[in-house]
């Protein structure tokens, strides 16, 4: 009986001539699996089908991408259990479940963060705001340990990147959503901080000064990646629209109602001379600068681009009274 391949809902399933479904028992090689997976993901309009297929096969096999590259070079046979798990993962990716939810890991700067349902998956462009905050910490003229507050800290990406890349900084991550906070604390438990310290606090970033007045005027840097998508603007990518939590996406009717409240909070949290850095949408730079400059003490607002040249974050400095 010769197995015949079918292409309906599950990759690499076969049917015998009796009609009973079974798994292919003959060895299937790396090149075969990747070719089919890339074709499947391309048809589903997954943005990076080859990268995703490689990542998922390495994950299913329990090896890293370097080891997979060697196996791909020699076109090694793939164990049955690995093939079955790879097929399952590819089916879920075809349904546009985020790649990071399938592997459980999001790469951010040098970190491997645990992520999954209930937390915003950190994006590469957010790495730039970390770089700007690190430059501020490096160039500060004050002595003593710097203190940074990360409002809407989500998975802890910004908080933990700052704490691990700048020796001897105290970082407070503020997050309202319990599910996201659980992920952040898990990531904290897996991160070596060296001489830095990190605390995650469950609180609303738009009212933090009322609940924690002792923080007022103490931050050298406030950094935030708040929700800034307009309420009626459903993201194009299904991974975002269907899987990122709404609380991390939608910032009000214009998208800037929540960021506007956070700007006010940040002004109060900063010491004189401290810096606010806020990520925002590509068309929101001018309005965010206006929000910052309309406060009593935030000045020198400037907007910076992401890797594609689009406006991505704005900073402003608190002036001395």
Protein backbone atom coordinates (compact mmCIF):
# COMPACT_ATOMS: atom_id res chain seq x y z
CA UNK A 1 0.00 0.00 0.00
CA UNK A 2 1.52 3.32 -1.04
CA UNK A 3 0.67 6.39 1.04
CA UNK A 4 -0.74 9.30 -0.97
CA UNK A 5 -0.21 12.85 0.20
CA UNK A 6 -3.19 15.11 0.80
CA UNK A 7 -3.30 18.88 1.26
CA UNK A 8 -6.35 19.78 3.29
CA UNK A 9 -6.25 20.88 6.93
CA UNK A 10 -3.12 19.17 8.22
CA UNK A 11 0.38 19.09 6.79
CA UNK A 12 2.07 15.80 6.03
CA UNK A 13 -0.94 13.62 6.72
CA UNK A 14 -1.45 10.74 4.35
CA UNK A 15 -4.15 8.26 3.52
CA UNK A 16 -3.68 4.58 2.80
CA UNK A 17 -5.74 3.05 0.03
CA UNK A 18 -8.08 1.80 2.75
CA UNK A 19 -8.98 5.43 3.47
CA UNK A 20 -7.64 5.37 7.03
CA UNK A 21 -5.49 8.44 7.87
CA UNK A 22 -2.05 7.75 9.25
CA UNK A 23 1.28 9.51 9.55
CA UNK A 24 4.01 8.94 6.97
CA UNK A 25 6.26 6.23 8.33
CA UNK A 26 9.09 6.72 5.84
CA UNK A 27 11.75 9.28 6.81
CA UNK A 28 10.92 12.77 5.62
CA UNK A 29 13.87 15.07 5.16
CA UNK A 30 14.44 18.65 6.21
CA UNK A 31 14.16 20.00 2.66
CA UNK A 32 10.77 18.31 2.11
CA UNK A 33 9.25 19.68 5.29
CA UNK A 34 10.56 23.19 4.81
CA UNK A 35 9.44 23.34 1.19
CA UNK A 36 5.88 22.34 2.10
CA UNK A 37 5.77 24.61 5.15
CA UNK A 38 7.01 27.63 3.23
CA UNK A 39 4.44 26.99 0.52
CA UNK A 40 1.66 26.63 3.10
CA UNK A 41 2.61 29.80 5.00
CA UNK A 42 3.07 31.78 1.80
CA UNK A 43 -0.43 30.84 0.70
CA UNK A 44 -1.73 32.02 4.09
CA UNK A 45 0.01 35.40 3.51
CA UNK A 46 2.27 35.01 6.51
CA UNK A 47 4.76 37.90 6.12
CA UNK A 48 7.98 35.90 6.59
CA UNK A 49 7.19 32.30 5.63
CA UNK A 50 10.75 30.96 5.34
CA UNK A 51 11.96 32.51 8.59
CA UNK A 52 8.87 31.27 10.40
CA UNK A 53 9.19 27.76 8.98
CA UNK A 54 12.83 27.55 10.07
CA UNK A 55 12.02 28.86 13.54
CA UNK A 56 9.15 26.43 14.01
CA UNK A 57 11.12 23.41 12.80
CA UNK A 58 14.00 24.24 15.15
CA UNK A 59 11.50 24.67 17.99
CA UNK A 60 9.71 21.40 17.22
CA UNK A 61 13.06 19.60 17.06
CA UNK A 62 14.33 21.15 20.29
CA UNK A 63 17.44 22.59 18.65
CA UNK A 64 18.68 26.07 17.80
CA UNK A 65 18.81 27.60 14.34
CA UNK A 66 22.54 26.89 14.00
CA UNK A 67 22.00 23.18 14.55
CA UNK A 68 19.08 23.24 12.13
CA UNK A 69 21.28 24.89 9.49
CA UNK A 70 23.67 21.94 9.72
CA UNK A 71 20.82 19.46 9.42
CA UNK A 72 19.45 21.40 6.46
CA UNK A 73 22.87 21.38 4.78
CA UNK A 74 22.98 17.57 4.92
CA UNK A 75 19.22 17.22 4.39
CA UNK A 76 18.87 14.99 7.43
CA UNK A 77 15.78 12.85 8.03
CA UNK A 78 13.40 14.33 10.60
CA UNK A 79 12.07 12.16 13.44
CA UNK A 80 8.37 11.34 13.34
CA UNK A 81 7.55 13.14 16.59
CA UNK A 82 9.29 16.27 15.31
CA UNK A 83 7.41 16.10 12.00
CA UNK A 84 4.09 15.78 13.77
CA UNK A 85 4.80 18.68 16.11
CA UNK A 86 6.07 20.81 13.22
CA UNK A 87 2.87 20.11 11.27
CA UNK A 88 0.77 21.14 14.27
CA UNK A 89 2.73 24.38 14.71
CA UNK A 90 2.55 25.25 11.02
CA UNK A 91 -1.21 24.76 11.01
CA UNK A 92 -1.54 27.21 13.90
CA UNK A 93 0.81 29.67 12.21
CA UNK A 94 -1.24 29.36 9.03
CA UNK A 95 -4.21 30.46 11.17
CA UNK A 96 -2.07 33.52 12.03
CA UNK A 97 -1.35 32.66 15.64
CA UNK A 98 1.74 34.79 16.39
CA UNK A 99 5.04 33.02 15.95
CA UNK A 100 6.06 34.14 19.45
CA UNK A 101 2.99 32.48 20.96
CA UNK A 102 3.95 29.21 19.29
CA UNK A 103 7.55 29.23 20.47
CA UNK A 104 6.80 31.04 23.74
CA UNK A 105 9.71 33.41 23.12
CA UNK A 106 10.06 36.97 21.83
CA UNK A 107 13.53 38.25 21.06
CA UNK A 108 14.11 41.84 22.18
CA UNK A 109 17.58 43.34 21.95
CA UNK A 110 19.72 40.70 23.74
CA UNK A 111 16.81 39.24 25.73
CA UNK A 112 14.69 36.14 25.21
CA UNK A 113 11.35 37.04 26.78
CA UNK A 114 8.56 34.65 27.64
CA UNK A 115 5.31 35.75 26.01
CA UNK A 116 1.90 34.35 25.23
CA UNK A 117 -1.81 35.15 25.41
CA UNK A 118 -2.56 38.23 27.51
CA UNK A 119 0.57 40.23 26.79
CA UNK A 120 1.67 42.49 23.95
CA UNK A 121 4.46 40.95 21.86
CA UNK A 122 7.37 43.44 21.84
CA UNK A 123 8.35 44.79 18.42
CA UNK A 124 11.81 45.49 16.99
CA UNK A 125 11.10 49.21 16.62
CA UNK A 126 10.68 49.53 20.39
CA UNK A 127 14.35 48.61 20.73
CA UNK A 128 15.16 52.12 19.52
CA UNK A 129 13.50 53.82 22.47
CA UNK A 130 15.63 51.64 24.76
CA UNK A 131 18.73 52.84 22.94
CA UNK A 132 17.69 56.47 23.42
CA UNK A 133 17.04 55.89 27.13
CA UNK A 134 20.44 54.20 27.52
CA UNK A 135 22.11 57.18 25.84
CA UNK A 136 20.42 59.48 28.33
CA UNK A 137 21.56 57.38 31.29
CA UNK A 138 25.11 57.23 29.97
CA UNK A 139 25.32 60.96 29.42
CA UNK A 140 23.67 62.14 32.61
CA UNK A 141 25.73 64.47 34.75
CA UNK A 142 24.34 63.47 38.13
CA UNK A 143 26.02 61.09 40.53
CA UNK A 144 24.29 58.20 42.28
CA UNK A 145 22.06 55.47 40.96
CA UNK A 146 19.63 56.56 38.23
CA UNK A 147 15.94 55.77 38.60
CA UNK A 148 13.78 54.90 35.58
CA UNK A 149 10.01 54.36 35.41
CA UNK A 150 8.56 52.31 32.55
CA UNK A 151 4.85 53.06 32.20
CA UNK A 152 2.72 50.35 30.51
CA UNK A 153 5.57 47.88 30.89
CA UNK A 154 3.78 44.84 29.41
CA UNK A 155 6.11 41.85 29.13
CA UNK A 156 8.89 43.82 30.82
CA UNK A 157 10.86 44.22 27.59
CA UNK A 158 11.92 47.85 28.08
CA UNK A 159 12.34 47.51 31.85
CA UNK A 160 14.57 44.45 31.65
CA UNK A 161 16.58 45.68 28.67
CA UNK A 162 17.46 48.88 30.53
CA UNK A 163 18.30 47.03 33.74
CA UNK A 164 20.58 44.54 32.01
CA UNK A 165 22.30 46.97 29.65
CA UNK A 166 23.07 49.74 32.14
CA UNK A 167 24.96 48.71 35.25
CA UNK A 168 23.49 49.98 38.49
CA UNK A 169 20.09 51.39 37.49
CA UNK A 170 16.83 51.02 39.43
CA UNK A 171 13.84 50.45 37.15
CA UNK A 172 10.17 50.39 38.10
CA UNK A 173 7.79 48.80 35.59
CA UNK A 174 4.17 49.88 35.93
CA UNK A 175 1.50 47.63 34.40
CA UNK A 176 -2.25 47.54 35.02
CA UNK A 177 -3.19 44.23 33.40
CA UNK A 178 -2.74 41.14 35.58
CA UNK A 179 -1.97 38.76 32.70
CA UNK A 180 0.77 41.01 31.34
CA UNK A 181 2.17 41.50 34.83
CA UNK A 182 2.44 37.74 35.28
CA UNK A 183 4.53 37.49 32.11
CA UNK A 184 6.74 40.39 33.24
CA UNK A 185 7.41 38.82 36.61
CA UNK A 186 8.19 35.49 34.98
CA UNK A 187 10.69 37.25 32.72
CA UNK A 188 12.20 39.01 35.70
CA UNK A 189 12.74 35.65 37.40
CA UNK A 190 14.67 34.44 34.35
CA UNK A 191 16.88 37.53 33.99
CA UNK A 192 20.24 38.22 35.56
CA UNK A 193 20.26 41.88 36.61
CA UNK A 194 23.79 42.30 37.91
CA UNK A 195 23.96 45.46 40.02
CA UNK A 196 20.64 46.81 38.73
CA UNK A 197 17.26 46.34 40.36
CA UNK A 198 13.78 45.86 38.93
CA UNK A 199 10.34 46.01 40.49
CA UNK A 200 7.05 45.46 38.70
CA UNK A 201 4.08 47.30 40.15
CA UNK A 202 0.43 46.68 39.31
CA UNK A 203 -1.06 50.13 38.81
CA UNK A 204 -2.71 52.31 36.18
CA UNK A 205 -0.13 54.41 34.34
CA UNK A 206 -2.70 57.17 33.82
CA UNK A 207 -3.19 57.68 37.58
CA UNK A 208 0.09 56.47 39.05
CA UNK A 209 0.90 59.71 40.89
CA UNK A 210 -2.39 59.52 42.82
CA UNK A 211 -1.79 55.92 43.92
CA UNK A 212 1.96 56.29 44.51
CA UNK A 213 2.63 59.97 45.37
CA UNK A 214 6.05 59.11 46.79
CA UNK A 215 7.27 58.64 43.20
CA UNK A 216 6.62 62.27 42.25
CA UNK A 217 9.73 64.13 41.18
CA UNK A 218 12.13 61.18 41.51
CA UNK A 219 12.55 59.69 38.03
CA UNK A 220 15.58 60.50 35.91
CA UNK A 221 13.87 58.92 32.91
CA UNK A 222 10.27 57.97 32.19
CA UNK A 223 9.86 55.69 29.19
CA UNK A 224 6.58 54.40 27.82
CA UNK A 225 5.11 52.43 24.96
CA UNK A 226 1.44 53.17 25.66
CA UNK A 227 -1.64 52.04 23.73
CA UNK A 228 -1.95 54.49 20.84
CA UNK A 229 -4.10 52.86 18.13
CA UNK A 230 -7.40 54.74 17.52
CA UNK A 231 -10.36 52.77 18.83
CA UNK A 232 -11.91 52.30 15.38
CA UNK A 233 -8.65 51.46 13.57
CA UNK A 234 -8.44 47.66 13.55
CA UNK A 235 -4.81 46.62 12.87
CA UNK A 236 -4.22 45.05 9.47
CA UNK A 237 -2.20 42.12 10.78
CA UNK A 238 -4.34 39.33 12.21
CA UNK A 239 -1.58 38.49 14.69
CA UNK A 240 -2.10 41.94 16.23
CA UNK A 241 -5.85 42.32 15.84
CA UNK A 242 -6.70 38.82 17.08
CA UNK A 243 -4.01 38.15 19.66
CA UNK A 244 -2.49 41.29 21.18
CA UNK A 245 -4.60 42.42 24.15
CA UNK A 246 -6.89 45.35 23.39
CA UNK A 247 -5.69 47.16 26.51
CA UNK A 248 -2.21 47.33 25.00
CA UNK A 249 -3.42 48.56 21.61
CA UNK A 250 -6.25 51.07 21.78
CA UNK A 251 -5.59 54.53 23.16
CA UNK A 252 -8.96 56.23 22.74
CA UNK A 253 -10.97 57.79 19.94
CA UNK A 254 -7.94 59.44 18.32
CA UNK A 255 -5.47 56.98 19.77
CA UNK A 256 -3.86 59.70 21.88
CA UNK A 257 -6.30 60.04 24.78
CA UNK A 258 -4.37 57.53 26.90
CA UNK A 259 -0.93 58.88 25.87
CA UNK A 260 -2.09 62.40 26.77
CA UNK A 261 -2.90 61.27 30.30
CA UNK A 262 0.46 59.52 30.56
CA UNK A 263 2.31 62.66 29.46
CA UNK A 264 0.77 64.50 32.43
CA UNK A 265 1.75 61.71 34.80
CA UNK A 266 5.27 61.55 33.43
CA UNK A 267 5.77 65.28 33.91
CA UNK A 268 5.00 64.85 37.61
CA UNK A 269 7.18 61.76 37.98
CA UNK A 270 10.28 63.35 36.45
CA UNK A 271 12.82 65.29 38.44
CA UNK A 272 13.88 68.65 36.92
CA UNK A 273 16.16 67.82 34.01
CA UNK A 274 14.64 64.35 33.59
CA UNK A 275 13.66 62.94 30.20
CA UNK A 276 10.38 61.52 28.90
CA UNK A 277 10.45 59.09 25.96
CA UNK A 278 7.19 57.92 24.39
CA UNK A 279 6.59 55.56 21.50
CA UNK A 280 3.68 56.36 19.17
CA UNK A 281 2.23 55.75 15.72
CA UNK A 282 3.94 56.92 12.56
CA UNK A 283 1.43 59.76 12.00
CA UNK A 284 1.29 60.95 15.61
CA UNK A 285 4.68 62.64 16.09
CA UNK A 286 3.49 66.21 15.64
CA UNK A 287 0.53 65.77 17.96
CA UNK A 288 2.65 64.08 20.65
CA UNK A 289 5.12 66.97 20.52
CA UNK A 290 2.21 69.35 21.01
CA UNK A 291 0.97 67.32 23.99
CA UNK A 292 4.37 67.46 25.64
CA UNK A 293 4.98 71.15 24.94
CA UNK A 294 1.52 72.04 26.26
CA UNK A 295 2.50 70.95 29.77
CA UNK A 296 3.95 73.36 32.30
CA UNK A 297 7.51 72.06 32.18
CA UNK A 298 8.17 69.59 29.33
CA UNK A 299 10.19 71.25 26.60
CA UNK A 300 12.56 70.53 23.70
CA UNK A 301 10.21 67.93 22.26
CA UNK A 302 11.74 66.05 19.34
CA UNK A 303 10.57 63.07 17.29
CA UNK A 304 12.79 60.27 16.00
CA UNK A 305 12.25 57.64 13.28
CA UNK A 306 12.23 53.85 13.38
CA UNK A 307 14.21 51.49 11.14
CA UNK A 308 11.94 52.30 8.18
CA UNK A 309 12.26 56.08 8.55
CA UNK A 310 8.76 56.51 9.98
CA UNK A 311 8.18 58.65 13.09
CA UNK A 312 8.25 56.28 16.06
CA UNK A 313 9.05 57.99 19.37
CA UNK A 314 9.19 61.45 20.84
CA UNK A 315 11.17 62.76 23.78
CA UNK A 316 11.02 65.92 25.89
CA UNK A 317 12.93 67.18 28.90
CA UNK A 318 11.45 68.56 32.09
CA UNK A 319 12.69 72.07 32.73
CA UNK A 320 13.60 73.32 36.17
CA UNK A 321 10.89 75.54 37.69
